[in-house]
Each structure stands twice: as structure tokens, then as C-alpha cells.
Amino acid sequence: MTENVPRVLIVDDEVDICFVLTGLFKSKNVISAYANSLAEAAVLMKSEHPTIIILDNHLPDGLGVEFIDHVKQFYPRVKIIMITAHDSPTEKNLAFQKGADYFIGKPFSIAAVRQAIDNLILRA
């Protein structure tokens, strides 16, 4: 029934961002879940089977950019959108080197996230 519906895991310690993005995805018929730490994300990866992860970089238990290695090792087909307030050229380059598909700085626009999701769904 939901086999071909995109699934998004939002990993951000700002709960309001998780709620805003969850609302956006619900309106687009995209299944979403969220985690507020990398440890939560690792657990949810196993049960939620996301096709896309929206990943903050600075989380309470580590750097999202380092979590990319875990995702690429165990879930190589999952697409990654980094969304972070720390959007220096160095962090952006590192995220892309590790395998991020998109990098969006905070504050972000809903249009930018929507466009990234649409592009990744089309490529899937």
C-alpha cells in the first residue's frame, strides 16, 4: 500500500523544524518521521526505511556530517539533504565529499526543501 510512497527521516534537535517539515511532507503525501539525535536516527533508520534523510549537522550527540558515513555504509541508496545553520564552505564541501545530495543553510525556505525533495524523488 505505501510501498512506492517516499519516506523521509528528519534528524534535527529543533522540534519546531521537525513539526514544520512533517507538515510539509504530509501535504505532499510523503511519509515522515523525525529524530532529535543521531542515536534516535540510527534506531529509526532500521524501522522507518527512509528513502531520504534531512540531516542537521550539529546535534546533541555528534555531527550529522559524520553520520553520513553510517548511512552510506548501511543504507547506500538513501539520499541525504543536509540542513544546517553552520553552512560554511568547508562544512558544505565536507558534506558533499561524504555523500550528501543537497546542502541547505538555515534559515531555510520551504521552497528550497520542497525542490530538493522533488528532485530526489524524481531521481529515485
PDB file of N, CA and C in Angstrom:
ATOM      1  N   MET A   1       0.815  -1.189   0.000  1.00  0.00           N
ATOM      2  CA  MET A   1       0.000   0.000   0.000  1.00  0.00           C
ATOM      3  C   MET A   1       0.861   1.255   0.000  1.00  0.00           C
ATOM      4  N   THR A   2       1.862   1.352   0.899  1.00  0.00           N
ATOM      5  CA  THR A   2       2.725   2.526   0.947  1.00  0.00           C
ATOM      6  C   THR A   2       4.103   2.215   0.369  1.00  0.00           C
ATOM      7  N   GLU A   3       4.190   1.156  -0.427  1.00  0.00           N
ATOM      8  CA  GLU A   3       5.471   0.693  -0.936  1.00  0.00           C
ATOM      9  C   GLU A   3       6.191   1.741  -1.790  1.00  0.00           C
ATOM     10  N   ASN A   4       5.457   2.458  -2.645  1.00  0.00           N
ATOM     11  CA  ASN A   4       6.083   3.430  -3.539  1.00  0.00           C
ATOM     12  C   ASN A   4       5.994   4.857  -3.039  1.00  0.00           C
ATOM     13  N   VAL A   5       5.494   5.053  -1.835  1.00  0.00           N
ATOM     14  CA  VAL A   5       5.397   6.389  -1.259  1.00  0.00           C
ATOM     15  C   VAL A   5       6.761   6.742  -0.660  1.00  0.00           C
ATOM     16  N   PRO A   6       7.293   7.924  -1.000  1.00  0.00           N
ATOM     17  CA  PRO A   6       8.584   8.321  -0.420  1.00  0.00           C
ATOM     18  C   PRO A   6       8.497   8.409   1.105  1.00  0.00           C
ATOM     19  N   ARG A   7       9.602   8.055   1.744  1.00  0.00           N
ATOM     20  CA  ARG A   7       9.690   8.105   3.199  1.00  0.00           C
ATOM     21  C   ARG A   7      10.870   8.990   3.566  1.00  0.00           C
ATOM     22  N   VAL A   8      10.623   9.963   4.443  1.00  0.00           N
ATOM     23  CA  VAL A   8      11.652  10.916   4.851  1.00  0.00           C
ATOM     24  C   VAL A   8      11.880  10.805   6.348  1.00  0.00           C
ATOM     25  N   LEU A   9      13.151  10.768   6.749  1.00  0.00           N
ATOM     26  CA  LEU A   9      13.520  10.846   8.162  1.00  0.00           C
ATOM     27  C   LEU A   9      14.173  12.209   8.381  1.00  0.00           C
ATOM     28  N   ILE A  10      13.597  12.985   9.275  1.00  0.00           N
ATOM     29  CA  ILE A  10      14.119  14.306   9.630  1.00  0.00           C
ATOM     30  C   ILE A  10      14.948  14.128  10.896  1.00  0.00           C
ATOM     31  N   VAL A  11      16.197  14.560  10.864  1.00  0.00           N
ATOM     32  CA  VAL A  11      17.076  14.449  12.027  1.00  0.00           C
ATOM     33  C   VAL A  11      17.513  15.858  12.404  1.00  0.00           C
ATOM     34  N   ASP A  12      16.863  16.413  13.432  1.00  0.00           N
ATOM     35  CA  ASP A  12      17.133  17.789  13.850  1.00  0.00           C
ATOM     36  C   ASP A  12      16.760  17.911  15.314  1.00  0.00           C
ATOM     37  N   ASP A  13      17.574  18.624  16.093  1.00  0.00           N
ATOM     38  CA  ASP A  13      17.278  18.791  17.513  1.00  0.00           C
ATOM     39  C   ASP A  13      16.308  19.943  17.770  1.00  0.00           C
ATOM     40  N   GLU A  14      15.948  20.683  16.752  1.00  0.00           N
ATOM     41  CA  GLU A  14      14.953  21.747  16.886  1.00  0.00           C
ATOM     42  C   GLU A  14      13.580  21.163  16.541  1.00  0.00           C
ATOM     43  N   VAL A  15      12.773  20.933  17.570  1.00  0.00           N
ATOM     44  CA  VAL A  15      11.491  20.262  17.407  1.00  0.00           C
ATOM     45  C   VAL A  15      10.574  21.040  16.470  1.00  0.00           C
ATOM     46  N   ASP A  16      10.621  22.385  16.529  1.00  0.00           N
ATOM     47  CA  ASP A  16       9.747  23.168  15.657  1.00  0.00           C
ATOM     48  C   ASP A  16      10.065  22.936  14.185  1.00  0.00           C
ATOM     49  N   ILE A  17      11.328  22.753  13.842  1.00  0.00           N
ATOM     50  CA  ILE A  17      11.704  22.447  12.460  1.00  0.00           C
ATOM     51  C   ILE A  17      11.150  21.078  12.062  1.00  0.00           C
ATOM     52  N   CYS A  18      11.220  20.125  12.965  1.00  0.00           N
ATOM     53  CA  CYS A  18      10.662  18.792  12.690  1.00  0.00           C
ATOM     54  C   CYS A  18       9.163  18.876  12.409  1.00  0.00           C
ATOM     55  N   PHE A  19       8.447  19.678  13.192  1.00  0.00           N
ATOM     56  CA  PHE A  19       6.999  19.819  13.003  1.00  0.00           C
ATOM     57  C   PHE A  19       6.669  20.511  11.684  1.00  0.00           C
ATOM     58  N   VAL A  20       7.411  21.559  11.351  1.00  0.00           N
ATOM     59  CA  VAL A  20       7.175  22.278  10.091  1.00  0.00           C
ATOM     60  C   VAL A  20       7.402  21.345   8.905  1.00  0.00           C
ATOM     61  N   LEU A  21       8.505  20.617   8.922  1.00  0.00           N
ATOM     62  CA  LEU A  21       8.808  19.719   7.807  1.00  0.00           C
ATOM     63  C   LEU A  21       7.832  18.545   7.741  1.00  0.00           C
ATOM     64  N   THR A  22       7.435  18.024   8.898  1.00  0.00           N
ATOM     65  CA  THR A  22       6.450  16.941   8.919  1.00  0.00           C
ATOM     66  C   THR A  22       5.146  17.399   8.278  1.00  0.00           C
ATOM     67  N   GLY A  23       4.731  18.619   8.583  1.00  0.00           N
ATOM     68  CA  GLY A  23       3.520  19.175   7.976  1.00  0.00           C
ATOM     69  C   GLY A  23       3.650  19.328   6.475  1.00  0.00           C
ATOM     70  N   LEU A  24       4.808  19.781   6.033  1.00  0.00           N
ATOM     71  CA  LEU A  24       5.062  19.917   4.592  1.00  0.00           C
ATOM     72  C   LEU A  24       4.940  18.563   3.905  1.00  0.00           C
ATOM     73  N   PHE A  25       5.545  17.557   4.465  1.00  0.00           N
ATOM     74  CA  PHE A  25       5.539  16.237   3.831  1.00  0.00           C
ATOM     75  C   PHE A  25       4.147  15.607   3.851  1.00  0.00           C
ATOM     76  N   LYS A  26       3.416  15.817   4.924  1.00  0.00           N
ATOM     77  CA  LYS A  26       2.056  15.278   4.991  1.00  0.00           C
ATOM     78  C   LYS A  26       1.212  15.850   3.855  1.00  0.00           C
ATOM     79  N   SER A  27       1.382  17.139   3.561  1.00  0.00           N
ATOM     80  CA  SER A  27       0.610  17.769   2.488  1.00  0.00           C
ATOM     81  C   SER A  27       1.034  17.275   1.105  1.00  0.00           C
ATOM     82  N   LYS A  28       2.209  16.672   1.010  1.00  0.00           N
ATOM     83  CA  LYS A  28       2.719  16.159  -0.267  1.00  0.00           C
ATOM     84  C   LYS A  28       2.592  14.635  -0.377  1.00  0.00           C
ATOM     85  N   ASN A  29       1.865  14.014   0.567  1.00  0.00           N
ATOM     86  CA  ASN A  29       1.690  12.565   0.579  1.00  0.00           C
ATOM     87  C   ASN A  29       3.025  11.827   0.709  1.00  0.00           C
ATOM     88  N   VAL A  30       3.888  12.374   1.559  1.00  0.00           N
ATOM     89  CA  VAL A  30       5.182  11.775   1.851  1.00  0.00           C
ATOM     90  C   VAL A  30       5.150  11.341   3.314  1.00  0.00           C
ATOM     91  N   ILE A  31       5.514  10.109   3.586  1.00  0.00           N
ATOM     92  CA  ILE A  31       5.558   9.595   4.954  1.00  0.00           C
ATOM     93  C   ILE A  31       6.833  10.124   5.614  1.00  0.00           C
ATOM     94  N   SER A  32       6.696  10.662   6.834  1.00  0.00           N
ATOM     95  CA  SER A  32       7.878  11.180   7.505  1.00  0.00           C
ATOM     96  C   SER A  32       7.878  10.806   8.979  1.00  0.00           C
ATOM     97  N   ALA A  33       9.072  10.780   9.518  1.00  0.00           N
ATOM     98  CA  ALA A  33       9.305  10.573  10.940  1.00  0.00           C
ATOM     99  C   ALA A  33      10.453  11.499  11.312  1.00  0.00           C
ATOM    100  N   TYR A  34      10.632  11.724  12.604  1.00  0.00           N
ATOM    101  CA  TYR A  34      11.762  12.567  12.980  1.00  0.00           C
ATOM    102  C   TYR A  34      12.468  12.036  14.211  1.00  0.00           C
ATOM    103  N   ALA A  35      13.737  12.407  14.290  1.00  0.00           N
ATOM    104  CA  ALA A  35      14.592  12.068  15.418  1.00  0.00           C
ATOM    105  C   ALA A  35      15.300  13.346  15.856  1.00  0.00           C
ATOM    106  N   ASN A  36      15.557  13.463  17.151  1.00  0.00           N
ATOM    107  CA  ASN A  36      16.223  14.653  17.665  1.00  0.00           C
ATOM    108  C   ASN A  36      17.683  14.423  18.012  1.00  0.00           C
ATOM    109  N   SER A  37      18.199  13.234  17.671  1.00  0.00           N
ATOM    110  CA  SER A  37      19.608  12.928  17.907  1.00  0.00           C
ATOM    111  C   SER A  37      20.068  11.880  16.897  1.00  0.00           C
ATOM    112  N   LEU A  38      21.359  11.708  16.797  1.00  0.00           N
ATOM    113  CA  LEU A  38      21.902  10.694  15.892  1.00  0.00           C
ATOM    114  C   LEU A  38      21.576   9.287  16.389  1.00  0.00           C
ATOM    115  N   ALA A  39      21.577   9.099  17.708  1.00  0.00           N
ATOM    116  CA  ALA A  39      21.244   7.784  18.263  1.00  0.00           C
ATOM    117  C   ALA A  39      19.807   7.403  17.900  1.00  0.00           C
ATOM    118  N   GLU A  40      18.873   8.340  18.044  1.00  0.00           N
ATOM    119  CA  GLU A  40      17.484   8.091  17.653  1.00  0.00           C
ATOM    120  C   GLU A  40      17.398   7.798  16.156  1.00  0.00           C
ATOM    121  N   ALA A  41      18.151   8.556  15.373  1.00  0.00           N
ATOM    122  CA  ALA A  41      18.127   8.372  13.920  1.00  0.00           C
ATOM    123  C   ALA A  41      18.603   6.979  13.539  1.00  0.00           C
ATOM    124  N   ALA A  42      19.654   6.500  14.185  1.00  0.00           N
ATOM    125  CA  ALA A  42      20.179   5.168  13.875  1.00  0.00           C
ATOM    126  C   ALA A  42      19.120   4.095  14.135  1.00  0.00           C
ATOM    127  N   VAL A  43      18.351   4.246  15.204  1.00  0.00           N
ATOM    128  CA  VAL A  43      17.291   3.290  15.519  1.00  0.00           C
ATOM    129  C   VAL A  43      16.160   3.399  14.496  1.00  0.00           C
ATOM    130  N   LEU A  44      15.743   4.624  14.177  1.00  0.00           N
ATOM    131  CA  LEU A  44      14.630   4.821  13.242  1.00  0.00           C
ATOM    132  C   LEU A  44      14.979   4.400  11.817  1.00  0.00           C
ATOM    133  N   MET A  45      16.256   4.472  11.462  1.00  0.00           N
ATOM    134  CA  MET A  45      16.667   4.026  10.119  1.00  0.00           C
ATOM    135  C   MET A  45      16.240   2.573   9.899  1.00  0.00           C
ATOM    136  N   LYS A  46      16.343   1.760  10.935  1.00  0.00           N
ATOM    137  CA  LYS A  46      16.023   0.337  10.828  1.00  0.00           C
ATOM    138  C   LYS A  46      14.529   0.087  10.674  1.00  0.00           C
ATOM    139  N   SER A  47      13.709   0.887  11.347  1.00  0.00           N
ATOM    140  CA  SER A  47      12.265   0.630  11.321  1.00  0.00           C
ATOM    141  C   SER A  47      11.509   1.452  10.278  1.00  0.00           C
ATOM    142  N   GLU A  48      11.994   2.633   9.970  1.00  0.00           N
ATOM    143  CA  GLU A  48      11.273   3.523   9.055  1.00  0.00           C
ATOM    144  C   GLU A  48      11.656   3.326   7.587  1.00  0.00           C
ATOM    145  N   HIS A  49      12.835   2.801   7.328  1.00  0.00           N
ATOM    146  CA  HIS A  49      13.318   2.577   5.962  1.00  0.00           C
ATOM    147  C   HIS A  49      13.162   3.810   5.076  1.00  0.00           C
ATOM    148  N   PRO A  50      13.767   4.938   5.472  1.00  0.00           N
ATOM    149  CA  PRO A  50      13.591   6.156   4.682  1.00  0.00           C
ATOM    150  C   PRO A  50      14.290   6.071   3.325  1.00  0.00           C
ATOM    151  N   THR A  51      13.741   6.802   2.383  1.00  0.00           N
ATOM    152  CA  THR A  51      14.400   6.953   1.086  1.00  0.00           C
ATOM    153  C   THR A  51      15.239   8.226   1.069  1.00  0.00           C
ATOM    154  N   ILE A  52      14.878   9.173   1.959  1.00  0.00           N
ATOM    155  CA  ILE A  52      15.585  10.453   2.067  1.00  0.00           C
ATOM    156  C   ILE A  52      15.744  10.792   3.541  1.00  0.00           C
ATOM    157  N   ILE A  53      16.908  11.348   3.892  1.00  0.00           N
ATOM    158  CA  ILE A  53      17.138  11.856   5.246  1.00  0.00           C
ATOM    159  C   ILE A  53      17.410  13.352   5.144  1.00  0.00           C
ATOM    160  N   ILE A  54      16.730  14.105   5.981  1.00  0.00           N
ATOM    161  CA  ILE A  54      17.048  15.526   6.154  1.00  0.00           C
ATOM    162  C   ILE A  54      17.851  15.585   7.441  1.00  0.00           C
ATOM    163  N   LEU A  55      19.087  16.008   7.344  1.00  0.00           N
ATOM    164  CA  LEU A  55      20.051  15.845   8.431  1.00  0.00           C
ATOM    165  C   LEU A  55      20.664  17.172   8.849  1.00  0.00           C
ATOM    166  N   ASP A  56      20.439  17.551  10.111  1.00  0.00           N
ATOM    167  CA  ASP A  56      21.112  18.713  10.689  1.00  0.00           C
ATOM    168  C   ASP A  56      22.557  18.308  10.956  1.00  0.00           C
ATOM    169  N   ASN A  57      23.452  19.272  11.025  1.00  0.00           N
ATOM    170  CA  ASN A  57      24.853  18.916  11.246  1.00  0.00           C
ATOM    171  C   ASN A  57      25.229  18.906  12.723  1.00  0.00           C
ATOM    172  N   HIS A  58      24.779  19.886  13.477  1.00  0.00           N
ATOM    173  CA  HIS A  58      25.185  19.980  14.881  1.00  0.00           C
ATOM    174  C   HIS A  58      24.057  19.487  15.775  1.00  0.00           C
ATOM    175  N   LEU A  59      24.235  18.262  16.263  1.00  0.00           N
ATOM    176  CA  LEU A  59      23.229  17.605  17.096  1.00  0.00           C
ATOM    177  C   LEU A  59      23.820  17.335  18.477  1.00  0.00           C
ATOM    178  N   PRO A  60      22.977  17.069  19.474  1.00  0.00           N
ATOM    179  CA  PRO A  60      23.477  16.896  20.841  1.00  0.00           C
ATOM    180  C   PRO A  60      24.508  15.779  20.990  1.00  0.00           C
ATOM    181  N   ASP A  61      24.426  14.756  20.161  1.00  0.00           N
ATOM    182  CA  ASP A  61      25.339  13.623  20.310  1.00  0.00           C
ATOM    183  C   ASP A  61      26.326  13.474  19.154  1.00  0.00           C
ATOM    184  N   GLY A  62      26.549  14.536  18.399  1.00  0.00           N
ATOM    185  CA  GLY A  62      27.568  14.465  17.358  1.00  0.00           C
ATOM    186  C   GLY A  62      27.237  15.301  16.135  1.00  0.00           C
ATOM    187  N   LEU A  63      28.062  15.111  15.123  1.00  0.00           N
ATOM    188  CA  LEU A  63      27.918  15.850  13.871  1.00  0.00           C
ATOM    189  C   LEU A  63      27.198  15.007  12.829  1.00  0.00           C
ATOM    190  N   GLY A  64      26.194  15.603  12.225  1.00  0.00           N
ATOM    191  CA  GLY A  64      25.462  14.925  11.167  1.00  0.00           C
ATOM    192  C   GLY A  64      26.353  14.514  10.016  1.00  0.00           C
ATOM    193  N   VAL A  65      27.338  15.334   9.721  1.00  0.00           N
ATOM    194  CA  VAL A  65      28.232  15.022   8.598  1.00  0.00           C
ATOM    195  C   VAL A  65      28.968  13.708   8.844  1.00  0.00           C
ATOM    196  N   GLU A  66      29.240  13.383  10.090  1.00  0.00           N
ATOM    197  CA  GLU A  66      29.879  12.105  10.412  1.00  0.00           C
ATOM    198  C   GLU A  66      28.879  10.950  10.300  1.00  0.00           C
ATOM    199  N   PHE A  67      27.600  11.224  10.502  1.00  0.00           N
ATOM    200  CA  PHE A  67      26.553  10.210  10.385  1.00  0.00           C
ATOM    201  C   PHE A  67      26.373   9.775   8.928  1.00  0.00           C
ATOM    202  N   ILE A  68      26.785  10.629   8.002  1.00  0.00           N
ATOM    203  CA  ILE A  68      26.689  10.284   6.580  1.00  0.00           C
ATOM    204  C   ILE A  68      27.447   8.985   6.307  1.00  0.00           C
ATOM    205  N   ASP A  69      28.591   8.801   6.945  1.00  0.00           N
ATOM    206  CA  ASP A  69      29.362   7.559   6.761  1.00  0.00           C
ATOM    207  C   ASP A  69      28.517   6.334   7.125  1.00  0.00           C
ATOM    208  N   HIS A  70      27.802   6.422   8.243  1.00  0.00           N
ATOM    209  CA  HIS A  70      26.930   5.319   8.691  1.00  0.00           C
ATOM    210  C   HIS A  70      25.840   5.061   7.652  1.00  0.00           C
ATOM    211  N   VAL A  71      25.208   6.125   7.201  1.00  0.00           N
ATOM    212  CA  VAL A  71      24.118   5.983   6.230  1.00  0.00           C
ATOM    213  C   VAL A  71      24.640   5.339   4.949  1.00  0.00           C
ATOM    214  N   LYS A  72      25.737   5.836   4.440  1.00  0.00           N
ATOM    215  CA  LYS A  72      26.271   5.323   3.173  1.00  0.00           C
ATOM    216  C   LYS A  72      26.752   3.877   3.297  1.00  0.00           C
ATOM    217  N   GLN A  73      27.244   3.496   4.481  1.00  0.00           N
ATOM    218  CA  GLN A  73      27.707   2.126   4.678  1.00  0.00           C
ATOM    219  C   GLN A  73      26.543   1.132   4.743  1.00  0.00           C
ATOM    220  N   PHE A  74      25.503   1.477   5.507  1.00  0.00           N
ATOM    221  CA  PHE A  74      24.423   0.529   5.750  1.00  0.00           C
ATOM    222  C   PHE A  74      23.181   0.748   4.886  1.00  0.00           C
ATOM    223  N   TYR A  75      23.029   1.952   4.340  1.00  0.00           N
ATOM    224  CA  TYR A  75      21.848   2.294   3.529  1.00  0.00           C
ATOM    225  C   TYR A  75      22.298   3.104   2.310  1.00  0.00           C
ATOM    226  N   PRO A  76      23.071   2.523   1.424  1.00  0.00           N
ATOM    227  CA  PRO A  76      23.707   3.280   0.343  1.00  0.00           C
ATOM    228  C   PRO A  76      22.741   3.949  -0.631  1.00  0.00           C
ATOM    229  N   ARG A  77      21.502   3.499  -0.700  1.00  0.00           N
ATOM    230  CA  ARG A  77      20.546   4.094  -1.648  1.00  0.00           C
ATOM    231  C   ARG A  77      19.809   5.297  -1.073  1.00  0.00           C
ATOM    232  N   VAL A  78      19.948   5.545   0.229  1.00  0.00           N
ATOM    233  CA  VAL A  78      19.260   6.663   0.875  1.00  0.00           C
ATOM    234  C   VAL A  78      19.913   7.976   0.445  1.00  0.00           C
ATOM    235  N   LYS A  79      19.079   8.935   0.079  1.00  0.00           N
ATOM    236  CA  LYS A  79      19.544  10.267  -0.306  1.00  0.00           C
ATOM    237  C   LYS A  79      19.606  11.150   0.932  1.00  0.00           C
ATOM    238  N   ILE A  80      20.548  12.103   0.944  1.00  0.00           N
ATOM    239  CA  ILE A  80      20.771  12.925   2.127  1.00  0.00           C
ATOM    240  C   ILE A  80      20.710  14.408   1.762  1.00  0.00           C
ATOM    241  N   ILE A  81      19.890  15.131   2.543  1.00  0.00           N
ATOM    242  CA  ILE A  81      19.821  16.581   2.454  1.00  0.00           C
ATOM    243  C   ILE A  81      20.329  17.128   3.788  1.00  0.00           C
ATOM    244  N   MET A  82      21.452  17.818   3.758  1.00  0.00           N
ATOM    245  CA  MET A  82      21.951  18.479   4.975  1.00  0.00           C
ATOM    246  C   MET A  82      21.267  19.834   5.074  1.00  0.00           C
ATOM    247  N   ILE A  83      20.727  20.127   6.258  1.00  0.00           N
ATOM    248  CA  ILE A  83      20.159  21.441   6.544  1.00  0.00           C
ATOM    249  C   ILE A  83      20.792  21.900   7.847  1.00  0.00           C
ATOM    250  N   THR A  84      21.591  22.975   7.783  1.00  0.00           N
ATOM    251  CA  THR A  84      22.325  23.390   8.968  1.00  0.00           C
ATOM    252  C   THR A  84      22.556  24.898   9.007  1.00  0.00           C
ATOM    253  N   ALA A  85      22.622  25.421  10.212  1.00  0.00           N
ATOM    254  CA  ALA A  85      22.944  26.836  10.395  1.00  0.00           C
ATOM    255  C   ALA A  85      24.437  27.073  10.193  1.00  0.00           C
ATOM    256  N   HIS A  86      25.209  26.017  10.278  1.00  0.00           N
ATOM    257  CA  HIS A  86      26.664  26.103  10.092  1.00  0.00           C
ATOM    258  C   HIS A  86      26.966  25.774   8.636  1.00  0.00           C
ATOM    259  N   ASP A  87      26.725  26.755   7.771  1.00  0.00           N
ATOM    260  CA  ASP A  87      26.827  26.476   6.342  1.00  0.00           C
ATOM    261  C   ASP A  87      28.053  27.129   5.705  1.00  0.00           C
ATOM    262  N   SER A  88      29.194  26.946   6.344  1.00  0.00           N
ATOM    263  CA  SER A  88      30.435  27.467   5.792  1.00  0.00           C
ATOM    264  C   SER A  88      30.833  26.649   4.563  1.00  0.00           C
ATOM    265  N   PRO A  89      31.641  27.227   3.690  1.00  0.00           N
ATOM    266  CA  PRO A  89      32.108  26.469   2.527  1.00  0.00           C
ATOM    267  C   PRO A  89      32.825  25.173   2.927  1.00  0.00           C
ATOM    268  N   THR A  90      33.561  25.189   4.032  1.00  0.00           N
ATOM    269  CA  THR A  90      34.275  23.999   4.484  1.00  0.00           C
ATOM    270  C   THR A  90      33.289  22.887   4.850  1.00  0.00           C
ATOM    271  N   GLU A  91      32.256  23.237   5.622  1.00  0.00           N
ATOM    272  CA  GLU A  91      31.269  22.221   6.019  1.00  0.00           C
ATOM    273  C   GLU A  91      30.482  21.730   4.809  1.00  0.00           C
ATOM    274  N   LYS A  92      30.179  22.635   3.902  1.00  0.00           N
ATOM    275  CA  LYS A  92      29.438  22.258   2.695  1.00  0.00           C
ATOM    276  C   LYS A  92      30.258  21.279   1.856  1.00  0.00           C
ATOM    277  N   ASN A  93      31.529  21.584   1.640  1.00  0.00           N
ATOM    278  CA  ASN A  93      32.398  20.695   0.862  1.00  0.00           C
ATOM    279  C   ASN A  93      32.541  19.330   1.529  1.00  0.00           C
ATOM    280  N   LEU A  94      32.704  19.315   2.845  1.00  0.00           N
ATOM    281  CA  LEU A  94      32.841  18.050   3.561  1.00  0.00           C
ATOM    282  C   LEU A  94      31.572  17.208   3.416  1.00  0.00           C
ATOM    283  N   ALA A  95      30.408  17.854   3.539  1.00  0.00           N
ATOM    284  CA  ALA A  95      29.141  17.123   3.399  1.00  0.00           C
ATOM    285  C   ALA A  95      29.039  16.491   2.011  1.00  0.00           C
ATOM    286  N   PHE A  96      29.386  17.232   0.978  1.00  0.00           N
ATOM    287  CA  PHE A  96      29.323  16.682  -0.374  1.00  0.00           C
ATOM    288  C   PHE A  96      30.361  15.574  -0.579  1.00  0.00           C
ATOM    289  N   GLN A  97      31.561  15.743  -0.026  1.00  0.00           N
ATOM    290  CA  GLN A  97      32.588  14.699  -0.137  1.00  0.00           C
ATOM    291  C   GLN A  97      32.119  13.399   0.517  1.00  0.00           C
ATOM    292  N   LYS A  98      31.402  13.515   1.621  1.00  0.00           N
ATOM    293  CA  LYS A  98      30.935  12.327   2.336  1.00  0.00           C
ATOM    294  C   LYS A  98      29.729  11.678   1.665  1.00  0.00           C
ATOM    295  N   GLY A  99      29.023  12.433   0.788  1.00  0.00           N
ATOM    296  CA  GLY A  99      27.917  11.829   0.068  1.00  0.00           C
ATOM    297  C   GLY A  99      26.577  12.530   0.165  1.00  0.00           C
ATOM    298  N   ALA A 100      26.523  13.732   0.740  1.00  0.00           N
ATOM    299  CA  ALA A 100      25.258  14.468   0.780  1.00  0.00           C
ATOM    300  C   ALA A 100      24.834  14.812  -0.651  1.00  0.00           C
ATOM    301  N   ASP A 101      23.532  14.772  -0.883  1.00  0.00           N
ATOM    302  CA  ASP A 101      22.995  15.105  -2.203  1.00  0.00           C
ATOM    303  C   ASP A 101      22.639  16.580  -2.320  1.00  0.00           C
ATOM    304  N   TYR A 102      22.239  17.185  -1.208  1.00  0.00           N
ATOM    305  CA  TYR A 102      21.905  18.610  -1.155  1.00  0.00           C
ATOM    306  C   TYR A 102      22.442  19.183   0.143  1.00  0.00           C
ATOM    307  N   PHE A 103      22.690  20.490   0.151  1.00  0.00           N
ATOM    308  CA  PHE A 103      23.135  21.200   1.351  1.00  0.00           C
ATOM    309  C   PHE A 103      22.361  22.511   1.374  1.00  0.00           C
ATOM    310  N   ILE A 104      21.556  22.705   2.417  1.00  0.00           N
ATOM    311  CA  ILE A 104      20.722  23.895   2.533  1.00  0.00           C
ATOM    312  C   ILE A 104      21.031  24.565   3.865  1.00  0.00           C
ATOM    313  N   GLY A 105      21.348  25.860   3.821  1.00  0.00           N
ATOM    314  CA  GLY A 105      21.641  26.598   5.042  1.00  0.00           C
ATOM    315  C   GLY A 105      20.380  27.034   5.766  1.00  0.00           C
ATOM    316  N   LYS A 106      20.491  27.157   7.086  1.00  0.00           N
ATOM    317  CA  LYS A 106      19.408  27.697   7.904  1.00  0.00           C
ATOM    318  C   LYS A 106      19.662  29.185   8.093  1.00  0.00           C
ATOM    319  N   PRO A 107      18.653  29.999   8.134  1.00  0.00           N
ATOM    320  CA  PRO A 107      17.260  29.616   7.967  1.00  0.00           C
ATOM    321  C   PRO A 107      17.002  29.207   6.518  1.00  0.00           C
ATOM    322  N   PHE A 108      16.180  28.197   6.348  1.00  0.00           N
ATOM    323  CA  PHE A 108      15.896  27.676   5.019  1.00  0.00           C
ATOM    324  C   PHE A 108      14.496  28.083   4.593  1.00  0.00           C
ATOM    325  N   SER A 109      14.259  28.018   3.304  1.00  0.00           N
ATOM    326  CA  SER A 109      12.907  28.273   2.804  1.00  0.00           C
ATOM    327  C   SER A 109      12.239  26.925   2.531  1.00  0.00           C
ATOM    328  N   ILE A 110      10.948  26.888   2.734  1.00  0.00           N
ATOM    329  CA  ILE A 110      10.179  25.677   2.442  1.00  0.00           C
ATOM    330  C   ILE A 110      10.330  25.332   0.959  1.00  0.00           C
ATOM    331  N   ALA A 111      10.394  26.365   0.119  1.00  0.00           N
ATOM    332  CA  ALA A 111      10.532  26.133  -1.326  1.00  0.00           C
ATOM    333  C   ALA A 111      11.824  25.388  -1.638  1.00  0.00           C
ATOM    334  N   ALA A 112      12.919  25.725  -0.955  1.00  0.00           N
ATOM    335  CA  ALA A 112      14.204  25.057  -1.201  1.00  0.00           C
ATOM    336  C   ALA A 112      14.126  23.584  -0.803  1.00  0.00           C
ATOM    337  N   VAL A 113      13.502  23.297   0.332  1.00  0.00           N
ATOM    338  CA  VAL A 113      13.360  21.907   0.781  1.00  0.00           C
ATOM    339  C   VAL A 113      12.449  21.146  -0.173  1.00  0.00           C
ATOM    340  N   ARG A 114      11.343  21.773  -0.545  1.00  0.00           N
ATOM    341  CA  ARG A 114      10.394  21.128  -1.465  1.00  0.00           C
ATOM    342  C   ARG A 114      11.082  20.791  -2.788  1.00  0.00           C
ATOM    343  N   GLN A 115      11.879  21.717  -3.311  1.00  0.00           N
ATOM    344  CA  GLN A 115      12.579  21.485  -4.581  1.00  0.00           C
ATOM    345  C   GLN A 115      13.583  20.337  -4.462  1.00  0.00           C
ATOM    346  N   ALA A 116      14.326  20.309  -3.364  1.00  0.00           N
ATOM    347  CA  ALA A 116      15.293  19.225  -3.155  1.00  0.00           C
ATOM    348  C   ALA A 116      14.586  17.874  -3.076  1.00  0.00           C
ATOM    349  N   ILE A 117      13.498  17.809  -2.323  1.00  0.00           N
ATOM    350  CA  ILE A 117      12.731  16.560  -2.189  1.00  0.00           C
ATOM    351  C   ILE A 117      12.192  16.134  -3.545  1.00  0.00           C
ATOM    352  N   ASP A 118      11.586  17.079  -4.265  1.00  0.00           N
ATOM    353  CA  ASP A 118      11.031  16.750  -5.589  1.00  0.00           C
ATOM    354  C   ASP A 118      12.107  16.210  -6.524  1.00  0.00           C
ATOM    355  N   ASN A 119      13.273  16.846  -6.518  1.00  0.00           N
ATOM    356  CA  ASN A 119      14.367  16.382  -7.381  1.00  0.00           C
ATOM    357  C   ASN A 119      14.842  14.986  -6.986  1.00  0.00           C
ATOM    358  N   LEU A 120      14.940  14.722  -5.700  1.00  0.00           N
ATOM    359  CA  LEU A 120      15.398  13.402  -5.246  1.00  0.00           C
ATOM    360  C   LEU A 120      14.364  12.329  -5.525  1.00  0.00           C
ATOM    361  N   ILE A 121      13.089  12.653  -5.398  1.00  0.00           N
ATOM    362  CA  ILE A 121      12.041  11.674  -5.701  1.00  0.00           C
ATOM    363  C   ILE A 121      12.063  11.329  -7.185  1.00  0.00           C
ATOM    364  N   LEU A 122      12.263  12.325  -8.021  1.00  0.00           N
ATOM    365  CA  LEU A 122      12.320  12.077  -9.466  1.00  0.00           C
ATOM    366  C   LEU A 122      13.505  11.191  -9.848  1.00  0.00           C
ATOM    367  N   ARG A 123      14.616  11.318  -9.094  1.00  0.00           N
ATOM    368  CA  ARG A 123      15.825  10.528  -9.388  1.00  0.00           C
ATOM    369  C   ARG A 123      15.745   9.118  -8.847  1.00  0.00           C
ATOM    370  N   ALA A 124      14.823   8.884  -7.927  1.00  0.00           N
ATOM    371  CA  ALA A 124      14.735   7.564  -7.269  1.00  0.00           C
ATOM    372  C   ALA A 124      14.286   6.489  -8.236  1.00  0.00           C
TER     373      ALA A 124
END
